Amino acid sequence: MQRQALVLHELVSGGDRNTYNWVKTGMTLVGLPGGVARLPQRPLTAEQVEDLRQGLEELGIAGPG
């Protein structure tokens, strides 16, 4: 479980990622009310959303699609 938490943390906050936007999008992907990014933040790109969805799916947090 700790390994999954570390992988999830890296997924939403690794590199130059804005944790706020990644968490909000991740919540939406798993069916929770995540909302949308407000200015000056920008929403994730389609490629970033797909990367996040795949990462959540690999962790068993979100299903395909």
C-alpha atoms as a PDB file:
ATOM      1  CA  MET A   1       0.000   0.000   0.000  1.00  0.00           C
ATOM      2  CA  GLN A   2       2.840   2.397   0.784  1.00  0.00           C
ATOM      3  CA  ARG A   3       4.391   1.662  -2.616  1.00  0.00           C
ATOM      4  CA  GLN A   4       1.092   2.524  -4.291  1.00  0.00           C
ATOM      5  CA  ALA A   5       0.893   5.779  -2.337  1.00  0.00           C
ATOM      6  CA  LEU A   6       4.418   6.717  -3.424  1.00  0.00           C
ATOM      7  CA  VAL A   7       3.667   5.890  -7.061  1.00  0.00           C
ATOM      8  CA  LEU A   8       0.432   7.912  -6.874  1.00  0.00           C
ATOM      9  CA  HIS A   9       2.295  10.847  -5.321  1.00  0.00           C
ATOM     10  CA  GLU A  10       4.869  10.775  -8.116  1.00  0.00           C
ATOM     11  CA  LEU A  11       2.092  10.479 -10.700  1.00  0.00           C
ATOM     12  CA  VAL A  12       0.357  13.693  -9.604  1.00  0.00           C
ATOM     13  CA  SER A  13       3.313  15.766  -8.419  1.00  0.00           C
ATOM     14  CA  GLY A  14       6.442  14.525 -10.171  1.00  0.00           C
ATOM     15  CA  GLY A  15       8.611  16.736 -12.314  1.00  0.00           C
ATOM     16  CA  ASP A  16       7.132  20.129 -13.117  1.00  0.00           C
ATOM     17  CA  ARG A  17       3.528  19.017 -12.598  1.00  0.00           C
ATOM     18  CA  ASN A  18       1.042  21.276 -10.866  1.00  0.00           C
ATOM     19  CA  THR A  19      -0.294  18.956  -8.170  1.00  0.00           C
ATOM     20  CA  TYR A  20      -3.542  20.925  -7.899  1.00  0.00           C
ATOM     21  CA  ASN A  21      -4.539  20.326 -11.534  1.00  0.00           C
ATOM     22  CA  TRP A  22      -3.442  16.688 -11.565  1.00  0.00           C
ATOM     23  CA  VAL A  23      -5.375  15.850  -8.382  1.00  0.00           C
ATOM     24  CA  LYS A  24      -8.528  17.609  -9.615  1.00  0.00           C
ATOM     25  CA  THR A  25      -8.357  15.756 -12.925  1.00  0.00           C
ATOM     26  CA  GLY A  26      -7.624  12.463 -11.167  1.00  0.00           C
ATOM     27  CA  MET A  27     -10.675  12.917  -8.956  1.00  0.00           C
ATOM     28  CA  THR A  28     -12.811  13.464 -12.042  1.00  0.00           C
ATOM     29  CA  LEU A  29     -11.358  10.347 -13.687  1.00  0.00           C
ATOM     30  CA  VAL A  30     -12.376   8.171 -10.737  1.00  0.00           C
ATOM     31  CA  GLY A  31     -15.888   9.617 -10.620  1.00  0.00           C
ATOM     32  CA  LEU A  32     -15.502  12.171  -7.835  1.00  0.00           C
ATOM     33  CA  PRO A  33     -16.314  15.878  -8.187  1.00  0.00           C
ATOM     34  CA  GLY A  34     -12.883  17.294  -9.024  1.00  0.00           C
ATOM     35  CA  GLY A  35     -13.971  20.462 -10.754  1.00  0.00           C
ATOM     36  CA  VAL A  36     -11.923  22.398 -13.262  1.00  0.00           C
ATOM     37  CA  ALA A  37      -8.776  24.462 -13.012  1.00  0.00           C
ATOM     38  CA  ARG A  38      -9.310  28.178 -12.468  1.00  0.00           C
ATOM     39  CA  LEU A  39      -7.156  30.901 -13.947  1.00  0.00           C
ATOM     40  CA  PRO A  40      -4.245  31.370 -13.950  1.00  0.00           C
ATOM     41  CA  GLN A  41      -4.025  27.552 -13.893  1.00  0.00           C
ATOM     42  CA  ARG A  42      -4.622  25.704 -17.123  1.00  0.00           C
ATOM     43  CA  PRO A  43      -6.344  22.340 -17.473  1.00  0.00           C
ATOM     44  CA  LEU A  44      -4.289  19.290 -18.349  1.00  0.00           C
ATOM     45  CA  THR A  45      -3.747  18.532 -22.018  1.00  0.00           C
ATOM     46  CA  ALA A  46      -5.408  15.488 -23.568  1.00  0.00           C
ATOM     47  CA  GLU A  47      -2.028  13.709 -23.486  1.00  0.00           C
ATOM     48  CA  GLN A  48      -1.564  14.491 -19.780  1.00  0.00           C
ATOM     49  CA  VAL A  49      -5.086  13.273 -18.983  1.00  0.00           C
ATOM     50  CA  GLU A  50      -4.367  10.024 -20.819  1.00  0.00           C
ATOM     51  CA  ASP A  51      -1.077   9.571 -18.933  1.00  0.00           C
ATOM     52  CA  LEU A  52      -2.896  10.137 -15.652  1.00  0.00           C
ATOM     53  CA  ARG A  53      -5.713   7.755 -16.584  1.00  0.00           C
ATOM     54  CA  GLN A  54      -3.215   5.045 -17.512  1.00  0.00           C
ATOM     55  CA  GLY A  55      -1.293   5.569 -14.274  1.00  0.00           C
ATOM     56  CA  LEU A  56      -4.466   5.346 -12.184  1.00  0.00           C
ATOM     57  CA  GLU A  57      -5.521   2.235 -14.087  1.00  0.00           C
ATOM     58  CA  GLU A  58      -2.139   0.580 -13.460  1.00  0.00           C
ATOM     59  CA  LEU A  59      -2.561   1.302  -9.742  1.00  0.00           C
ATOM     60  CA  GLY A  60      -6.038  -0.230  -9.801  1.00  0.00           C
ATOM     61  CA  ILE A  61      -7.654   3.091  -8.870  1.00  0.00           C
ATOM     62  CA  ALA A  62      -9.528   3.758 -12.122  1.00  0.00           C
ATOM     63  CA  GLY A  63     -10.866   1.403 -14.728  1.00  0.00           C
ATOM     64  CA  PRO A  64     -10.350   1.694 -18.478  1.00  0.00           C
ATOM     65  CA  GLY A  65     -12.142   4.412 -20.368  1.00  0.00           C
END
